[in-house]
Amino acid sequence: MIKEIRTISAESLGNLCIREGFYKRGNNVQYGNLLYELSSDKKNLTTKNIIAIATDIKKHSITDRDVENICFHVACICNSYFINDEI
């Protein structure tokens, strides 16, 4: 069976926040939680993880964008790998 593995780097997520003007309401501890606990420490990001990341970004941002739009941007910067676990 072929499986998709999704990862994201703290650097990519930080660059997204800077580029899009996100996370202006978060402090260093909250931002660190976003970059490491919610994202880059995960071995395989699920849709639920991406929604949690986007919800956290929305909560700490001054933006009119909805969570769905932020999810799209987060998903676009993910790295996707496909593995065959039957081999």
PDB file of N, CA and C in Angstrom:
ATOM      1  N   MET A   1       0.838  -1.177   0.000  1.00  0.00           N
ATOM      2  CA  MET A   1       0.000   0.000   0.000  1.00  0.00           C
ATOM      3  C   MET A   1       0.887   1.247   0.000  1.00  0.00           C
ATOM      4  N   ILE A   2       0.532   2.193  -0.800  1.00  0.00           N
ATOM      5  CA  ILE A   2       1.284   3.446  -0.873  1.00  0.00           C
ATOM      6  C   ILE A   2       0.665   4.445   0.093  1.00  0.00           C
ATOM      7  N   LYS A   3       1.522   5.087   0.875  1.00  0.00           N
ATOM      8  CA  LYS A   3       1.087   6.079   1.859  1.00  0.00           C
ATOM      9  C   LYS A   3       1.762   7.412   1.584  1.00  0.00           C
ATOM     10  N   GLU A   4       1.032   8.466   1.887  1.00  0.00           N
ATOM     11  CA  GLU A   4       1.600   9.813   1.802  1.00  0.00           C
ATOM     12  C   GLU A   4       2.071  10.225   3.187  1.00  0.00           C
ATOM     13  N   ILE A   5       3.281  10.746   3.250  1.00  0.00           N
ATOM     14  CA  ILE A   5       3.843  11.310   4.477  1.00  0.00           C
ATOM     15  C   ILE A   5       4.024  12.806   4.228  1.00  0.00           C
ATOM     16  N   ARG A   6       3.460  13.627   5.115  1.00  0.00           N
ATOM     17  CA  ARG A   6       3.585  15.084   4.986  1.00  0.00           C
ATOM     18  C   ARG A   6       4.386  15.632   6.152  1.00  0.00           C
ATOM     19  N   THR A   7       5.336  16.474   5.858  1.00  0.00           N
ATOM     20  CA  THR A   7       6.108  17.153   6.892  1.00  0.00           C
ATOM     21  C   THR A   7       6.160  18.639   6.569  1.00  0.00           C
ATOM     22  N   ILE A   8       6.576  19.395   7.555  1.00  0.00           N
ATOM     23  CA  ILE A   8       6.745  20.835   7.366  1.00  0.00           C
ATOM     24  C   ILE A   8       7.922  21.269   8.228  1.00  0.00           C
ATOM     25  N   SER A   9       8.691  22.201   7.747  1.00  0.00           N
ATOM     26  CA  SER A   9       9.824  22.688   8.538  1.00  0.00           C
ATOM     27  C   SER A   9       9.427  23.971   9.260  1.00  0.00           C
ATOM     28  N   ALA A  10      10.050  24.179  10.401  1.00  0.00           N
ATOM     29  CA  ALA A  10       9.819  25.411  11.158  1.00  0.00           C
ATOM     30  C   ALA A  10      10.205  26.621  10.311  1.00  0.00           C
ATOM     31  N   GLU A  11      11.265  26.483   9.542  1.00  0.00           N
ATOM     32  CA  GLU A  11      11.719  27.588   8.694  1.00  0.00           C
ATOM     33  C   GLU A  11      10.670  27.954   7.647  1.00  0.00           C
ATOM     34  N   SER A  12      10.096  26.962   6.990  1.00  0.00           N
ATOM     35  CA  SER A  12       9.072  27.219   5.973  1.00  0.00           C
ATOM     36  C   SER A  12       7.836  27.862   6.582  1.00  0.00           C
ATOM     37  N   LEU A  13       7.422  27.361   7.746  1.00  0.00           N
ATOM     38  CA  LEU A  13       6.243  27.919   8.399  1.00  0.00           C
ATOM     39  C   LEU A  13       6.513  29.343   8.878  1.00  0.00           C
ATOM     40  N   GLY A  14       7.699  29.583   9.417  1.00  0.00           N
ATOM     41  CA  GLY A  14       8.070  30.937   9.829  1.00  0.00           C
ATOM     42  C   GLY A  14       8.097  31.894   8.651  1.00  0.00           C
ATOM     43  N   ASN A  15       8.638  31.433   7.527  1.00  0.00           N
ATOM     44  CA  ASN A  15       8.671  32.265   6.318  1.00  0.00           C
ATOM     45  C   ASN A  15       7.268  32.572   5.814  1.00  0.00           C
ATOM     46  N   LEU A  16       6.368  31.594   5.890  1.00  0.00           N
ATOM     47  CA  LEU A  16       4.980  31.824   5.503  1.00  0.00           C
ATOM     48  C   LEU A  16       4.359  32.911   6.372  1.00  0.00           C
ATOM     49  N   CYS A  17       4.567  32.820   7.677  1.00  0.00           N
ATOM     50  CA  CYS A  17       4.010  33.821   8.592  1.00  0.00           C
ATOM     51  C   CYS A  17       4.547  35.217   8.290  1.00  0.00           C
ATOM     52  N   ILE A  18       5.828  35.307   8.001  1.00  0.00           N
ATOM     53  CA  ILE A  18       6.433  36.605   7.677  1.00  0.00           C
ATOM     54  C   ILE A  18       5.879  37.131   6.355  1.00  0.00           C
ATOM     55  N   ARG A  19       5.876  36.278   5.342  1.00  0.00           N
ATOM     56  CA  ARG A  19       5.419  36.682   4.000  1.00  0.00           C
ATOM     57  C   ARG A  19       3.957  37.137   4.006  1.00  0.00           C
ATOM     58  N   GLU A  20       3.107  36.436   4.763  1.00  0.00           N
ATOM     59  CA  GLU A  20       1.672  36.734   4.766  1.00  0.00           C
ATOM     60  C   GLU A  20       1.257  37.693   5.889  1.00  0.00           C
ATOM     61  N   GLY A  21       2.211  38.100   6.733  1.00  0.00           N
ATOM     62  CA  GLY A  21       1.906  39.026   7.825  1.00  0.00           C
ATOM     63  C   GLY A  21       1.127  38.390   8.965  1.00  0.00           C
ATOM     64  N   PHE A  22       1.304  37.080   9.147  1.00  0.00           N
ATOM     65  CA  PHE A  22       0.613  36.354  10.213  1.00  0.00           C
ATOM     66  C   PHE A  22       1.375  36.463  11.540  1.00  0.00           C
ATOM     67  N   TYR A  23       0.690  36.096  12.590  1.00  0.00           N
ATOM     68  CA  TYR A  23       1.230  35.917  13.945  1.00  0.00           C
ATOM     69  C   TYR A  23       1.739  37.207  14.592  1.00  0.00           C
ATOM     70  N   LYS A  24       1.042  38.295  14.346  1.00  0.00           N
ATOM     71  CA  LYS A  24       1.424  39.578  14.948  1.00  0.00           C
ATOM     72  C   LYS A  24       0.956  39.703  16.394  1.00  0.00           C
ATOM     73  N   ARG A  25       0.050  38.805  16.835  1.00  0.00           N
ATOM     74  CA  ARG A  25      -0.481  38.866  18.203  1.00  0.00           C
ATOM     75  C   ARG A  25       0.136  37.822  19.131  1.00  0.00           C
ATOM     76  N   GLY A  26       1.033  37.020  18.627  1.00  0.00           N
ATOM     77  CA  GLY A  26       1.622  35.969  19.449  1.00  0.00           C
ATOM     78  C   GLY A  26       2.939  36.403  20.066  1.00  0.00           C
ATOM     79  N   ASN A  27       3.238  35.831  21.231  1.00  0.00           N
ATOM     80  CA  ASN A  27       4.534  36.099  21.859  1.00  0.00           C
ATOM     81  C   ASN A  27       5.532  35.003  21.457  1.00  0.00           C
ATOM     82  N   ASN A  28       6.743  35.078  21.951  1.00  0.00           N
ATOM     83  CA  ASN A  28       7.787  34.126  21.563  1.00  0.00           C
ATOM     84  C   ASN A  28       7.452  32.686  21.952  1.00  0.00           C
ATOM     85  N   VAL A  29       6.866  32.501  23.122  1.00  0.00           N
ATOM     86  CA  VAL A  29       6.505  31.156  23.570  1.00  0.00           C
ATOM     87  C   VAL A  29       5.421  30.571  22.658  1.00  0.00           C
ATOM     88  N   GLN A  30       4.420  31.370  22.349  1.00  0.00           N
ATOM     89  CA  GLN A  30       3.339  30.914  21.472  1.00  0.00           C
ATOM     90  C   GLN A  30       3.857  30.619  20.064  1.00  0.00           C
ATOM     91  N   TYR A  31       4.731  31.479  19.570  1.00  0.00           N
ATOM     92  CA  TYR A  31       5.305  31.288  18.237  1.00  0.00           C
ATOM     93  C   TYR A  31       6.171  30.026  18.210  1.00  0.00           C
ATOM     94  N   GLY A  32       6.944  29.803  19.247  1.00  0.00           N
ATOM     95  CA  GLY A  32       7.745  28.581  19.355  1.00  0.00           C
ATOM     96  C   GLY A  32       6.868  27.345  19.379  1.00  0.00           C
ATOM     97  N   ASN A  33       5.744  27.415  20.074  1.00  0.00           N
ATOM     98  CA  ASN A  33       4.795  26.303  20.105  1.00  0.00           C
ATOM     99  C   ASN A  33       4.277  26.004  18.698  1.00  0.00           C
ATOM    100  N   LEU A  34       3.943  27.051  17.946  1.00  0.00           N
ATOM    101  CA  LEU A  34       3.488  26.866  16.564  1.00  0.00           C
ATOM    102  C   LEU A  34       4.562  26.185  15.730  1.00  0.00           C
ATOM    103  N   LEU A  35       5.769  26.714  15.778  1.00  0.00           N
ATOM    104  CA  LEU A  35       6.834  26.232  14.896  1.00  0.00           C
ATOM    105  C   LEU A  35       7.334  24.841  15.243  1.00  0.00           C
ATOM    106  N   TYR A  36       7.295  24.472  16.508  1.00  0.00           N
ATOM    107  CA  TYR A  36       7.889  23.194  16.904  1.00  0.00           C
ATOM    108  C   TYR A  36       6.865  22.175  17.399  1.00  0.00           C
ATOM    109  N   GLU A  37       6.048  22.540  18.366  1.00  0.00           N
ATOM    110  CA  GLU A  37       5.098  21.572  18.929  1.00  0.00           C
ATOM    111  C   GLU A  37       3.989  21.214  17.940  1.00  0.00           C
ATOM    112  N   LEU A  38       3.432  22.209  17.270  1.00  0.00           N
ATOM    113  CA  LEU A  38       2.309  21.951  16.369  1.00  0.00           C
ATOM    114  C   LEU A  38       2.738  21.498  14.980  1.00  0.00           C
ATOM    115  N   SER A  39       3.980  21.743  14.616  1.00  0.00           N
ATOM    116  CA  SER A  39       4.337  21.480  13.221  1.00  0.00           C
ATOM    117  C   SER A  39       5.593  20.650  13.016  1.00  0.00           C
ATOM    118  N   SER A  40       6.757  21.228  13.148  1.00  0.00           N
ATOM    119  CA  SER A  40       7.975  20.557  12.674  1.00  0.00           C
ATOM    120  C   SER A  40       8.371  19.320  13.466  1.00  0.00           C
ATOM    121  N   ASP A  41       7.843  19.154  14.680  1.00  0.00           N
ATOM    122  CA  ASP A  41       8.157  17.949  15.449  1.00  0.00           C
ATOM    123  C   ASP A  41       7.296  16.752  15.042  1.00  0.00           C
ATOM    124  N   LYS A  42       6.335  16.961  14.154  1.00  0.00           N
ATOM    125  CA  LYS A  42       5.454  15.880  13.716  1.00  0.00           C
ATOM    126  C   LYS A  42       6.124  15.073  12.604  1.00  0.00           C
ATOM    127  N   LYS A  43       6.049  13.761  12.718  1.00  0.00           N
ATOM    128  CA  LYS A  43       6.636  12.892  11.694  1.00  0.00           C
ATOM    129  C   LYS A  43       5.725  12.741  10.482  1.00  0.00           C
ATOM    130  N   ASN A  44       4.426  12.973  10.661  1.00  0.00           N
ATOM    131  CA  ASN A  44       3.480  12.897   9.555  1.00  0.00           C
ATOM    132  C   ASN A  44       2.297  13.796   9.874  1.00  0.00           C
ATOM    133  N   LEU A  45       2.230  14.937   9.201  1.00  0.00           N
ATOM    134  CA  LEU A  45       1.139  15.877   9.435  1.00  0.00           C
ATOM    135  C   LEU A  45      -0.156  15.343   8.839  1.00  0.00           C
ATOM    136  N   THR A  46      -1.180  15.314   9.648  1.00  0.00           N
ATOM    137  CA  THR A  46      -2.504  14.920   9.184  1.00  0.00           C
ATOM    138  C   THR A  46      -3.294  16.184   8.846  1.00  0.00           C
ATOM    139  N   THR A  47      -4.453  15.984   8.244  1.00  0.00           N
ATOM    140  CA  THR A  47      -5.342  17.117   7.988  1.00  0.00           C
ATOM    141  C   THR A  47      -5.691  17.800   9.307  1.00  0.00           C
ATOM    142  N   LYS A  48      -5.922  17.012  10.342  1.00  0.00           N
ATOM    143  CA  LYS A  48      -6.232  17.558  11.667  1.00  0.00           C
ATOM    144  C   LYS A  48      -5.088  18.438  12.176  1.00  0.00           C
ATOM    145  N   ASN A  49      -3.835  18.021  11.943  1.00  0.00           N
ATOM    146  CA  ASN A  49      -2.678  18.825  12.350  1.00  0.00           C
ATOM    147  C   ASN A  49      -2.633  20.149  11.591  1.00  0.00           C
ATOM    148  N   ILE A  50      -2.916  20.105  10.285  1.00  0.00           N
ATOM    149  CA  ILE A  50      -2.896  21.332   9.468  1.00  0.00           C
ATOM    150  C   ILE A  50      -3.977  22.294   9.945  1.00  0.00           C
ATOM    151  N   ILE A  51      -5.148  21.766  10.283  1.00  0.00           N
ATOM    152  CA  ILE A  51      -6.224  22.611  10.812  1.00  0.00           C
ATOM    153  C   ILE A  51      -5.803  23.231  12.141  1.00  0.00           C
ATOM    154  N   ALA A  52      -5.139  22.477  13.004  1.00  0.00           N
ATOM    155  CA  ALA A  52      -4.666  23.006  14.290  1.00  0.00           C
ATOM    156  C   ALA A  52      -3.640  24.118  14.075  1.00  0.00           C
ATOM    157  N   ILE A  53      -2.739  23.939  13.121  1.00  0.00           N
ATOM    158  CA  ILE A  53      -1.738  24.965  12.803  1.00  0.00           C
ATOM    159  C   ILE A  53      -2.435  26.229  12.306  1.00  0.00           C
ATOM    160  N   ALA A  54      -3.357  26.065  11.356  1.00  0.00           N
ATOM    161  CA  ALA A  54      -4.074  27.215  10.778  1.00  0.00           C
ATOM    162  C   ALA A  54      -4.921  27.929  11.825  1.00  0.00           C
ATOM    163  N   THR A  55      -5.546  27.177  12.707  1.00  0.00           N
ATOM    164  CA  THR A  55      -6.368  27.772  13.771  1.00  0.00           C
ATOM    165  C   THR A  55      -5.492  28.582  14.722  1.00  0.00           C
ATOM    166  N   ASP A  56      -4.321  28.064  15.054  1.00  0.00           N
ATOM    167  CA  ASP A  56      -3.390  28.788  15.919  1.00  0.00           C
ATOM    168  C   ASP A  56      -2.899  30.062  15.232  1.00  0.00           C
ATOM    169  N   ILE A  57      -2.591  29.963  13.953  1.00  0.00           N
ATOM    170  CA  ILE A  57      -2.160  31.155  13.200  1.00  0.00           C
ATOM    171  C   ILE A  57      -3.272  32.204  13.203  1.00  0.00           C
ATOM    172  N   LYS A  58      -4.494  31.794  12.918  1.00  0.00           N
ATOM    173  CA  LYS A  58      -5.639  32.716  12.891  1.00  0.00           C
ATOM    174  C   LYS A  58      -5.815  33.387  14.253  1.00  0.00           C
ATOM    175  N   LYS A  59      -5.728  32.604  15.319  1.00  0.00           N
ATOM    176  CA  LYS A  59      -5.906  33.110  16.684  1.00  0.00           C
ATOM    177  C   LYS A  59      -4.890  34.195  17.034  1.00  0.00           C
ATOM    178  N   HIS A  60      -3.676  34.080  16.502  1.00  0.00           N
ATOM    179  CA  HIS A  60      -2.601  34.997  16.846  1.00  0.00           C
ATOM    180  C   HIS A  60      -2.278  35.996  15.723  1.00  0.00           C
ATOM    181  N   SER A  61      -3.229  36.194  14.817  1.00  0.00           N
ATOM    182  CA  SER A  61      -2.995  37.083  13.672  1.00  0.00           C
ATOM    183  C   SER A  61      -4.079  38.142  13.569  1.00  0.00           C
ATOM    184  N   ILE A  62      -3.722  39.215  12.920  1.00  0.00           N
ATOM    185  CA  ILE A  62      -4.681  40.255  12.565  1.00  0.00           C
ATOM    186  C   ILE A  62      -4.941  40.048  11.070  1.00  0.00           C
ATOM    187  N   THR A  63      -5.993  39.289  10.757  1.00  0.00           N
ATOM    188  CA  THR A  63      -6.268  38.943   9.364  1.00  0.00           C
ATOM    189  C   THR A  63      -7.751  38.687   9.162  1.00  0.00           C
ATOM    190  N   ASP A  64      -8.214  38.965   7.966  1.00  0.00           N
ATOM    191  CA  ASP A  64      -9.590  38.659   7.586  1.00  0.00           C
ATOM    192  C   ASP A  64      -9.686  37.281   6.953  1.00  0.00           C
ATOM    193  N   ARG A  65      -8.567  36.624   6.746  1.00  0.00           N
ATOM    194  CA  ARG A  65      -8.577  35.307   6.113  1.00  0.00           C
ATOM    195  C   ARG A  65      -9.229  34.289   7.037  1.00  0.00           C
ATOM    196  N   ASP A  66      -9.948  33.353   6.433  1.00  0.00           N
ATOM    197  CA  ASP A  66     -10.561  32.304   7.234  1.00  0.00           C
ATOM    198  C   ASP A  66      -9.582  31.146   7.413  1.00  0.00           C
ATOM    199  N   VAL A  67      -9.913  30.254   8.326  1.00  0.00           N
ATOM    200  CA  VAL A  67      -9.037  29.128   8.643  1.00  0.00           C
ATOM    201  C   VAL A  67      -8.810  28.258   7.409  1.00  0.00           C
ATOM    202  N   GLU A  68      -9.832  28.093   6.585  1.00  0.00           N
ATOM    203  CA  GLU A  68      -9.695  27.279   5.376  1.00  0.00           C
ATOM    204  C   GLU A  68      -8.619  27.832   4.443  1.00  0.00           C
ATOM    205  N   ASN A  69      -8.578  29.148   4.295  1.00  0.00           N
ATOM    206  CA  ASN A  69      -7.569  29.779   3.447  1.00  0.00           C
ATOM    207  C   ASN A  69      -6.176  29.589   4.023  1.00  0.00           C
ATOM    208  N   ILE A  70      -6.059  29.729   5.333  1.00  0.00           N
ATOM    209  CA  ILE A  70      -4.760  29.536   5.981  1.00  0.00           C
ATOM    210  C   ILE A  70      -4.337  28.069   5.864  1.00  0.00           C
ATOM    211  N   CYS A  71      -5.297  27.141   6.003  1.00  0.00           N
ATOM    212  CA  CYS A  71      -4.999  25.714   5.801  1.00  0.00           C
ATOM    213  C   CYS A  71      -4.396  25.484   4.419  1.00  0.00           C
ATOM    214  N   PHE A  72      -4.972  26.094   3.401  1.00  0.00           N
ATOM    215  CA  PHE A  72      -4.467  25.947   2.037  1.00  0.00           C
ATOM    216  C   PHE A  72      -3.010  26.389   1.954  1.00  0.00           C
ATOM    217  N   HIS A  73      -2.701  27.541   2.536  1.00  0.00           N
ATOM    218  CA  HIS A  73      -1.327  28.047   2.490  1.00  0.00           C
ATOM    219  C   HIS A  73      -0.367  27.141   3.255  1.00  0.00           C
ATOM    220  N   VAL A  74      -0.806  26.627   4.391  1.00  0.00           N
ATOM    221  CA  VAL A  74       0.033  25.707   5.168  1.00  0.00           C
ATOM    222  C   VAL A  74       0.269  24.426   4.364  1.00  0.00           C
ATOM    223  N   ALA A  75      -0.784  23.870   3.789  1.00  0.00           N
ATOM    224  CA  ALA A  75      -0.656  22.633   3.003  1.00  0.00           C
ATOM    225  C   ALA A  75       0.282  22.823   1.813  1.00  0.00           C
ATOM    226  N   CYS A  76       0.267  23.997   1.222  1.00  0.00           N
ATOM    227  CA  CYS A  76       1.127  24.266   0.052  1.00  0.00           C
ATOM    228  C   CYS A  76       2.619  24.224   0.390  1.00  0.00           C
ATOM    229  N   ILE A  77       2.973  24.513   1.633  1.00  0.00           N
ATOM    230  CA  ILE A  77       4.400  24.506   1.982  1.00  0.00           C
ATOM    231  C   ILE A  77       4.845  23.192   2.608  1.00  0.00           C
ATOM    232  N   CYS A  78       3.927  22.246   2.729  1.00  0.00           N
ATOM    233  CA  CYS A  78       4.293  20.928   3.250  1.00  0.00           C
ATOM    234  C   CYS A  78       5.129  20.164   2.233  1.00  0.00           C
ATOM    235  N   ASN A  79       5.974  19.300   2.731  1.00  0.00           N
ATOM    236  CA  ASN A  79       6.719  18.366   1.890  1.00  0.00           C
ATOM    237  C   ASN A  79       5.949  17.058   1.889  1.00  0.00           C
ATOM    238  N   SER A  80       5.646  16.540   0.717  1.00  0.00           N
ATOM    239  CA  SER A  80       4.920  15.265   0.616  1.00  0.00           C
ATOM    240  C   SER A  80       5.842  14.194   0.072  1.00  0.00           C
ATOM    241  N   TYR A  81       5.811  13.053   0.728  1.00  0.00           N
ATOM    242  CA  TYR A  81       6.584  11.889   0.305  1.00  0.00           C
ATOM    243  C   TYR A  81       5.621  10.723   0.177  1.00  0.00           C
ATOM    244  N   PHE A  82       5.854   9.874  -0.789  1.00  0.00           N
ATOM    245  CA  PHE A  82       5.029   8.689  -0.961  1.00  0.00           C
ATOM    246  C   PHE A  82       5.894   7.471  -0.784  1.00  0.00           C
ATOM    247  N   ILE A  83       5.451   6.571   0.085  1.00  0.00           N
ATOM    248  CA  ILE A  83       6.218   5.364   0.362  1.00  0.00           C
ATOM    249  C   ILE A  83       5.336   4.141   0.142  1.00  0.00           C
ATOM    250  N   ASN A  84       5.956   3.074  -0.269  1.00  0.00           N
ATOM    251  CA  ASN A  84       5.277   1.811  -0.429  1.00  0.00           C
ATOM    252  C   ASN A  84       5.668   0.954   0.766  1.00  0.00           C
ATOM    253  N   ASP A  85       4.741   0.730   1.665  1.00  0.00           N
ATOM    254  CA  ASP A  85       5.084  -0.021   2.878  1.00  0.00           C
ATOM    255  C   ASP A  85       4.989  -1.528   2.691  1.00  0.00           C
ATOM    256  N   GLU A  86       4.729  -1.979   1.459  1.00  0.00           N
ATOM    257  CA  GLU A  86       4.680  -3.406   1.179  1.00  0.00           C
ATOM    258  C   GLU A  86       6.038  -3.953   0.742  1.00  0.00           C
ATOM    259  N   ILE A  87       6.959  -3.065   0.507  1.00  0.00           N
ATOM    260  CA  ILE A  87       8.293  -3.500   0.042  1.00  0.00           C
ATOM    261  C   ILE A  87       9.126  -3.954   1.212  1.00  0.00           C
TER     262      ILE A  87
END
